[in-house]
Amino acid sequence: MLDEALRELRLDSRLTDRRGWIDRKELARALAELPDVSDKAALPEQPAAGESAGESA
């Protein structure tokens, strides 16, 4: 019953370094199952022509 309840939980990346918490194969499987959301990433802002990165407007 406990195993069934634990399967429903999402992977908590803060616990991956805790010894004995998750097997490396299980971690690799869980990471492979994560959806690809790279299309939602925002592009960094580009400075306007003639402005350097250190100058402020």
N, C-alpha and C. Protein backbone atom coordinates (compact mmCIF):
# COMPACT_ATOMS: atom_id res chain seq x y z
N MET A 1 0.82 -1.19 0.00
CA MET A 1 0.00 0.00 0.00
C MET A 1 0.87 1.26 0.00
N LEU A 2 1.94 1.24 0.77
CA LEU A 2 2.83 2.39 0.81
C LEU A 2 3.50 2.62 -0.54
N ASP A 3 3.90 1.53 -1.20
CA ASP A 3 4.52 1.65 -2.52
C ASP A 3 3.57 2.30 -3.52
N GLU A 4 2.31 1.95 -3.45
CA GLU A 4 1.32 2.54 -4.36
C GLU A 4 1.18 4.03 -4.09
N ALA A 5 1.18 4.44 -2.85
CA ALA A 5 1.06 5.85 -2.50
C ALA A 5 2.31 6.62 -2.95
N LEU A 6 3.47 6.01 -2.80
CA LEU A 6 4.70 6.69 -3.19
C LEU A 6 4.81 6.85 -4.70
N ARG A 7 4.23 5.94 -5.46
CA ARG A 7 4.28 6.04 -6.92
C ARG A 7 3.54 7.28 -7.41
N GLU A 8 2.55 7.72 -6.68
CA GLU A 8 1.77 8.88 -7.08
C GLU A 8 2.50 10.20 -6.84
N LEU A 9 3.55 10.19 -6.02
CA LEU A 9 4.27 11.42 -5.71
C LEU A 9 5.17 11.83 -6.86
N ARG A 10 5.36 13.12 -6.99
CA ARG A 10 6.29 13.63 -7.99
C ARG A 10 7.70 13.55 -7.45
N LEU A 11 8.66 13.47 -8.35
CA LEU A 11 10.06 13.42 -7.98
C LEU A 11 10.47 14.75 -7.35
N ASP A 12 11.04 14.71 -6.19
CA ASP A 12 11.53 15.91 -5.52
C ASP A 12 13.04 15.95 -5.71
N SER A 13 13.51 16.86 -6.55
CA SER A 13 14.93 16.89 -6.90
C SER A 13 15.82 17.21 -5.70
N ARG A 14 15.26 17.78 -4.65
CA ARG A 14 16.07 18.08 -3.45
C ARG A 14 16.47 16.81 -2.73
N LEU A 15 15.75 15.72 -2.95
CA LEU A 15 16.03 14.48 -2.25
C LEU A 15 16.89 13.50 -3.05
N THR A 16 17.26 13.86 -4.26
CA THR A 16 18.02 12.93 -5.10
C THR A 16 19.42 12.66 -4.56
N ASP A 17 19.99 13.59 -3.82
CA ASP A 17 21.33 13.40 -3.26
C ASP A 17 21.31 12.70 -1.92
N ARG A 18 20.15 12.46 -1.37
CA ARG A 18 20.05 11.78 -0.08
C ARG A 18 20.33 10.29 -0.27
N ARG A 19 21.29 9.79 0.45
CA ARG A 19 21.72 8.40 0.31
C ARG A 19 20.58 7.43 0.57
N GLY A 20 20.38 6.51 -0.36
CA GLY A 20 19.37 5.48 -0.21
C GLY A 20 17.95 5.92 -0.53
N TRP A 21 17.74 7.15 -0.91
CA TRP A 21 16.38 7.64 -1.15
C TRP A 21 15.82 7.14 -2.49
N ILE A 22 16.67 7.18 -3.53
CA ILE A 22 16.22 6.75 -4.85
C ILE A 22 17.39 6.07 -5.57
N ASP A 23 17.10 4.99 -6.24
CA ASP A 23 18.09 4.25 -7.01
C ASP A 23 18.45 5.06 -8.25
N ARG A 24 19.69 4.97 -8.71
CA ARG A 24 20.13 5.74 -9.88
C ARG A 24 19.31 5.38 -11.13
N LYS A 25 18.96 4.11 -11.27
CA LYS A 25 18.15 3.70 -12.42
C LYS A 25 16.75 4.30 -12.34
N GLU A 26 16.19 4.34 -11.14
CA GLU A 26 14.86 4.93 -10.95
C GLU A 26 14.91 6.44 -11.23
N LEU A 27 15.99 7.09 -10.80
CA LEU A 27 16.15 8.52 -11.06
C LEU A 27 16.25 8.78 -12.56
N ALA A 28 17.04 7.98 -13.27
CA ALA A 28 17.18 8.15 -14.71
C ALA A 28 15.84 7.94 -15.41
N ARG A 29 15.07 6.96 -14.97
CA ARG A 29 13.75 6.71 -15.56
C ARG A 29 12.81 7.88 -15.31
N ALA A 30 12.82 8.40 -14.08
CA ALA A 30 11.94 9.52 -13.73
C ALA A 30 12.32 10.77 -14.52
N LEU A 31 13.60 11.02 -14.71
CA LEU A 31 14.03 12.19 -15.47
C LEU A 31 13.68 12.04 -16.95
N ALA A 32 13.78 10.82 -17.47
CA ALA A 32 13.44 10.59 -18.87
C ALA A 32 11.94 10.79 -19.12
N GLU A 33 11.11 10.60 -18.11
CA GLU A 33 9.66 10.75 -18.26
C GLU A 33 9.19 12.19 -18.18
N LEU A 34 10.06 13.11 -17.78
CA LEU A 34 9.66 14.51 -17.67
C LEU A 34 9.33 15.07 -19.05
N PRO A 35 8.32 15.91 -19.16
CA PRO A 35 7.96 16.46 -20.46
C PRO A 35 8.98 17.49 -20.93
N ASP A 36 9.10 17.64 -22.24
CA ASP A 36 9.99 18.64 -22.83
C ASP A 36 9.25 19.97 -22.88
N VAL A 37 9.70 20.94 -22.13
CA VAL A 37 9.05 22.25 -22.10
C VAL A 37 10.00 23.34 -22.58
N SER A 38 11.00 22.95 -23.37
CA SER A 38 11.99 23.91 -23.85
C SER A 38 11.36 24.99 -24.73
N ASP A 39 10.22 24.71 -25.34
CA ASP A 39 9.57 25.71 -26.18
C ASP A 39 8.97 26.85 -25.35
N LYS A 40 8.86 26.67 -24.05
CA LYS A 40 8.31 27.71 -23.18
C LYS A 40 9.39 28.63 -22.60
N ALA A 41 10.66 28.32 -22.87
CA ALA A 41 11.75 29.12 -22.32
C ALA A 41 11.78 30.49 -22.99
N ALA A 42 11.99 31.52 -22.19
CA ALA A 42 12.08 32.87 -22.72
C ALA A 42 13.50 33.13 -23.21
N LEU A 43 13.61 33.79 -24.33
CA LEU A 43 14.92 34.15 -24.85
C LEU A 43 15.46 35.35 -24.08
N PRO A 44 16.77 35.40 -23.86
CA PRO A 44 17.33 36.57 -23.16
C PRO A 44 17.14 37.83 -23.99
N GLU A 45 16.97 38.94 -23.31
CA GLU A 45 16.79 40.21 -24.01
C GLU A 45 18.09 40.63 -24.67
N GLN A 46 17.98 41.12 -25.89
CA GLN A 46 19.15 41.58 -26.63
C GLN A 46 19.27 43.09 -26.44
N PRO A 47 20.49 43.59 -26.18
CA PRO A 47 20.65 45.05 -26.06
C PRO A 47 20.39 45.73 -27.40
N ALA A 48 19.85 46.93 -27.35
CA ALA A 48 19.57 47.69 -28.57
C ALA A 48 20.88 48.02 -29.26
N ALA A 49 20.82 48.27 -30.56
CA ALA A 49 22.01 48.59 -31.34
C ALA A 49 22.68 49.85 -30.77
N GLY A 50 23.97 49.79 -30.56
CA GLY A 50 24.71 50.95 -30.06
C GLY A 50 24.83 50.98 -28.55
N GLU A 51 24.13 50.12 -27.83
CA GLU A 51 24.22 50.07 -26.38
C GLU A 51 25.10 48.89 -25.97
N SER A 52 25.88 49.10 -24.92
CA SER A 52 26.66 47.97 -24.40
C SER A 52 25.91 47.40 -23.21
N ALA A 53 26.28 46.20 -22.82
CA ALA A 53 25.59 45.52 -21.72
C ALA A 53 25.77 46.25 -20.39
N GLY A 54 26.85 47.00 -20.21
CA GLY A 54 27.12 47.66 -18.95
C GLY A 54 26.45 49.02 -18.80
N GLU A 55 25.95 49.58 -19.87
CA GLU A 55 25.33 50.91 -19.81
C GLU A 55 23.86 50.80 -19.45
N SER A 56 23.36 51.75 -18.71
CA SER A 56 21.93 51.81 -18.42
C SER A 56 21.33 53.02 -19.09
N ALA A 57 20.06 52.97 -19.39
CA ALA A 57 19.38 54.05 -20.12
C ALA A 57 18.97 55.17 -19.23
